[in-house]
Amino acid sequence: MSLAPPAPHRAEIEHLVRRALYEKLGQPMPRTVRAPNPLLVNVSARHCHLTPRAVETLFGKGRALTPMKWLYQKDQYAAKESVTLIGPRSRVISNLRILGPCRDLNQVELAFTDAISLGFDIPVRNSGNINDTPGCMLMGPAGFLELPAGVIRAAPHVHMHPDDAAFYRVKNGDCMKLRVGGPSGVTFDRLLVRVSPDFKLEVHIDTDEANACGLGPATPCELIK
């Protein structure tokens, strides 16, 4: 049975309601409300991306990924399938989630503490830039897959629709700053901008970065050029 299409995110609904209220009251809107879309800062836990061929190697001939949970970005999902990652000295992470749909390269994204636990020394890279990165072994119910490269720490980044890029006056490949408020507030100085008509405005940071700044549902966040 296929999943139902994702409902609008609560932040999107709240953003529209705020804009409507300010317009009805005839009051000037704060910058965050004037923005075309609400800013979401989400935590990207460790996961992997696989090619169709890799999925068949790990799960069997003819197998494909099965959507379990829709993610915020269009057509992206957490799959029901997961794998075991085997790192240096046979240290493992079980139930490493696969994100779909399939891609044209295999990539594993870990946080710094994951890498330490496994015995890896992995670089911070933009997604897809896997040259000169460590490899690993993945194990699924139907077989093993040895990756010669592809294990990275994903650089903090923001997905943007072109309307968002115009509002913030940035373009694809630029870097912005993300200011996180609260008791443990920090500023991320190099936030990669990724622009596509298919994107919604969303920042991705990993679990270590989120823990370091105490990110929570009510934590104020701001994008700065």
Protein backbone atom coordinates (compact mmCIF):
# COMPACT_ATOMS: atom_id res chain seq x y z
CA MET A 1 0.00 0.00 0.00
CA SER A 2 1.45 3.38 -1.01
CA LEU A 3 1.79 6.24 1.43
CA ALA A 4 -0.66 9.12 1.27
CA PRO A 5 0.83 12.40 -0.01
CA PRO A 6 2.38 14.45 2.80
CA ALA A 7 0.10 17.07 4.36
CA PRO A 8 1.30 20.70 4.50
CA HIS A 9 3.84 21.18 7.26
CA ARG A 10 2.61 23.00 10.36
CA ALA A 11 5.20 25.75 9.80
CA GLU A 12 3.80 26.42 6.31
CA ILE A 13 0.27 26.77 7.65
CA GLU A 14 1.40 29.06 10.51
CA HIS A 15 3.35 31.22 8.06
CA LEU A 16 0.28 31.75 5.85
CA VAL A 17 -1.91 32.55 8.86
CA ARG A 18 0.59 35.14 10.17
CA ARG A 19 0.78 36.85 6.78
CA ALA A 20 -3.00 36.98 6.53
CA LEU A 21 -3.32 38.48 10.05
CA TYR A 22 -0.71 41.18 9.43
CA GLU A 23 -2.35 42.09 6.11
CA LYS A 24 -5.82 42.24 7.70
CA LEU A 25 -4.56 44.45 10.54
CA GLY A 26 -2.69 46.68 8.09
CA GLN A 27 0.51 46.38 10.11
CA PRO A 28 4.03 46.10 8.65
CA MET A 29 5.18 42.51 8.49
CA PRO A 30 8.46 41.42 10.13
CA ARG A 31 11.11 40.14 7.73
CA THR A 32 10.45 36.51 8.67
CA VAL A 33 6.80 36.94 7.73
CA ARG A 34 7.61 38.80 4.49
CA ALA A 35 9.72 35.84 3.34
CA PRO A 36 8.00 33.75 0.63
CA ASN A 37 8.23 30.59 2.73
CA PRO A 38 8.84 29.67 6.38
CA LEU A 39 12.36 28.63 7.40
CA LEU A 40 12.66 25.10 8.74
CA VAL A 41 15.88 23.87 10.35
CA ASN A 42 15.82 20.08 10.47
CA VAL A 43 18.22 17.53 11.84
CA SER A 44 19.61 15.04 9.35
CA ALA A 45 20.45 11.83 11.20
CA ARG A 46 22.98 9.36 9.78
CA HIS A 47 21.76 7.70 6.61
CA CYS A 48 22.80 6.51 3.16
CA HIS A 49 21.84 7.01 -0.47
CA LEU A 50 22.08 4.07 -2.88
CA THR A 51 21.93 3.36 -6.60
CA PRO A 52 19.33 0.91 -7.95
CA ARG A 53 22.10 -1.63 -8.56
CA ALA A 54 23.28 -1.33 -4.94
CA VAL A 55 19.72 -1.91 -3.69
CA GLU A 56 19.50 -5.13 -5.71
CA THR A 57 22.90 -6.28 -4.43
CA LEU A 58 21.85 -5.75 -0.82
CA PHE A 59 18.18 -6.78 -0.96
CA GLY A 60 17.85 -9.10 -3.96
CA LYS A 61 17.23 -9.09 -7.69
CA GLY A 62 14.33 -6.88 -8.70
CA ARG A 63 14.01 -5.25 -5.28
CA ALA A 64 13.33 -1.52 -4.97
CA LEU A 65 13.09 0.85 -2.04
CA THR A 66 9.78 1.04 -0.18
CA PRO A 67 8.70 4.48 1.13
CA MET A 68 8.07 4.47 4.88
CA LYS A 69 7.91 8.19 5.71
CA TRP A 70 7.77 11.22 3.45
CA LEU A 71 10.37 13.90 4.12
CA TYR A 72 9.88 17.65 3.78
CA GLN A 73 11.50 17.93 0.34
CA LYS A 74 9.37 16.91 -2.64
CA ASP A 75 9.35 13.15 -3.42
CA GLN A 76 12.03 12.42 -0.79
CA TYR A 77 11.40 9.68 1.75
CA ALA A 78 12.87 7.47 4.44
CA ALA A 79 12.71 3.90 3.17
CA LYS A 80 11.58 0.87 5.15
CA GLU A 81 14.85 -0.79 4.16
CA SER A 82 18.00 -0.32 6.23
CA VAL A 83 21.51 -1.74 6.15
CA THR A 84 24.36 -2.53 8.49
CA LEU A 85 27.50 -0.44 8.03
CA ILE A 86 30.79 -2.17 8.77
CA GLY A 87 33.67 0.22 9.40
CA PRO A 88 37.34 -0.12 10.27
CA ARG A 89 38.26 -2.91 12.68
CA SER A 90 34.80 -4.46 12.09
CA ARG A 91 32.95 -1.83 14.10
CA VAL A 92 29.33 -1.59 12.98
CA ILE A 93 26.24 0.61 12.89
CA SER A 94 23.04 -1.40 12.57
CA ASN A 95 19.81 -0.21 10.97
CA LEU A 96 21.38 2.57 8.92
CA ARG A 97 18.37 4.14 7.21
CA ILE A 98 18.27 4.47 3.42
CA LEU A 99 16.78 7.64 1.96
CA GLY A 100 15.02 7.46 -1.37
CA PRO A 101 14.55 7.69 -4.22
CA CYS A 102 17.70 6.03 -5.54
CA ARG A 103 20.55 8.19 -6.79
CA ASP A 104 23.33 7.77 -9.31
CA LEU A 105 26.02 7.26 -6.65
CA ASN A 106 26.35 5.57 -3.28
CA GLN A 107 26.94 7.86 -0.32
CA VAL A 108 26.93 7.42 3.47
CA GLU A 109 26.42 10.49 5.67
CA LEU A 110 27.57 10.31 9.30
CA ALA A 111 28.00 12.73 12.18
CA PHE A 112 31.42 13.31 13.75
CA THR A 113 30.64 11.13 16.78
CA ASP A 114 29.50 8.31 14.46
CA ALA A 115 32.84 8.51 12.69
CA ILE A 116 34.76 8.37 15.96
CA SER A 117 32.76 5.36 17.11
CA LEU A 118 33.51 3.53 13.86
CA GLY A 119 37.16 4.53 13.69
CA PHE A 120 36.72 6.70 10.58
CA ASP A 121 38.48 9.93 9.68
CA ILE A 122 35.96 11.46 7.30
CA PRO A 123 35.90 14.90 5.66
CA VAL A 124 33.14 17.50 5.60
CA ARG A 125 31.85 17.48 2.03
CA ASN A 126 28.98 18.76 -0.06
CA SER A 127 26.65 15.95 -1.08
CA GLY A 128 27.92 14.16 -4.20
CA ASN A 129 31.55 15.19 -3.71
CA ILE A 130 32.99 11.83 -2.69
CA ASN A 131 36.42 11.91 -4.34
CA ASP A 132 39.20 10.87 -1.94
CA THR A 133 36.77 9.89 0.82
CA PRO A 134 36.87 6.67 2.87
CA GLY A 135 34.85 3.64 1.89
CA CYS A 136 33.05 1.02 3.95
CA MET A 137 31.17 -2.26 3.74
CA LEU A 138 27.37 -2.37 3.71
CA MET A 139 25.46 -5.53 4.60
CA GLY A 140 21.87 -6.28 3.66
CA PRO A 141 19.68 -9.38 3.87
CA ALA A 142 20.78 -10.56 0.39
CA GLY A 143 24.45 -9.66 0.30
CA PHE A 144 27.38 -7.35 0.91
CA LEU A 145 28.40 -4.20 -0.93
CA GLU A 146 31.91 -2.79 -0.66
CA LEU A 147 32.08 0.96 -1.24
CA PRO A 148 35.58 2.15 -2.22
CA ALA A 149 34.58 5.72 -1.29
CA GLY A 150 31.54 7.73 -0.25
CA VAL A 151 31.56 8.11 3.54
CA ILE A 152 31.29 11.81 4.45
CA ARG A 153 30.15 14.33 7.00
CA ALA A 154 27.61 16.38 5.07
CA ALA A 155 28.31 20.11 5.08
CA PRO A 156 25.49 22.17 6.63
CA HIS A 157 23.31 23.39 3.77
CA VAL A 158 20.04 25.09 2.92
CA HIS A 159 17.58 24.01 0.22
CA MET A 160 15.87 26.95 -1.49
CA HIS A 161 13.23 27.60 -4.12
CA PRO A 162 14.25 30.36 -6.59
CA ASP A 163 11.73 32.68 -4.86
CA ASP A 164 13.61 32.19 -1.59
CA ALA A 165 16.97 32.78 -3.29
CA ALA A 166 15.67 36.06 -4.73
CA PHE A 167 14.38 37.16 -1.32
CA TYR A 168 17.71 36.40 0.41
CA ARG A 169 19.68 37.67 -2.63
CA VAL A 170 21.79 34.54 -3.05
CA LYS A 171 22.37 32.00 -5.81
CA ASN A 172 23.12 28.31 -6.04
CA GLY A 173 26.57 27.53 -4.63
CA ASP A 174 26.76 30.63 -2.41
CA CYS A 175 27.29 30.40 1.34
CA MET A 176 25.12 32.00 4.01
CA LYS A 177 25.16 32.15 7.78
CA LEU A 178 22.61 30.47 10.03
CA ARG A 179 22.09 32.17 13.38
CA VAL A 180 20.58 29.85 16.00
CA GLY A 181 19.21 31.51 19.12
CA GLY A 182 18.44 30.16 22.56
CA PRO A 183 20.64 29.44 25.61
CA SER A 184 23.20 27.54 23.52
CA GLY A 185 22.92 29.72 20.44
CA VAL A 186 25.60 29.59 17.77
CA THR A 187 26.17 30.89 14.25
CA PHE A 188 27.06 28.53 11.42
CA ASP A 189 29.34 30.55 9.14
CA ARG A 190 29.37 28.35 6.02
CA LEU A 191 25.92 27.19 5.05
CA LEU A 192 25.90 25.99 1.44
CA VAL A 193 23.02 27.32 -0.68
CA ARG A 194 21.31 24.82 -2.99
CA VAL A 195 18.61 26.23 -5.29
CA SER A 196 16.03 24.31 -7.33
CA PRO A 197 12.39 24.84 -8.37
CA ASP A 198 11.66 21.55 -6.60
CA PHE A 199 13.06 22.67 -3.23
CA LYS A 200 11.32 23.99 -0.14
CA LEU A 201 13.18 26.30 2.25
CA GLU A 202 14.92 23.95 4.65
CA VAL A 203 18.27 23.85 6.45
CA HIS A 204 19.93 20.52 7.19
CA ILE A 205 22.41 20.11 10.03
CA ASP A 206 23.53 16.82 11.54
CA THR A 207 22.83 15.44 15.01
CA ASP A 208 26.09 16.66 16.55
CA GLU A 209 25.54 20.18 15.24
CA ALA A 210 21.93 20.20 16.49
CA ASN A 211 22.96 18.97 19.94
CA ALA A 212 25.73 21.57 20.16
CA CYS A 213 23.29 24.46 19.66
CA GLY A 214 20.40 22.91 21.60
CA LEU A 215 18.10 22.97 18.58
CA GLY A 216 14.45 22.38 19.42
CA PRO A 217 11.03 23.00 17.82
CA ALA A 218 10.83 26.50 19.33
CA THR A 219 14.45 27.55 18.82
CA PRO A 220 14.60 30.84 16.86
CA CYS A 221 16.70 30.60 13.68
CA GLU A 222 17.64 33.20 11.08
CA LEU A 223 19.36 33.08 7.68
CA ILE A 224 21.93 35.84 7.11
CA LYS A 225 23.58 36.62 3.79
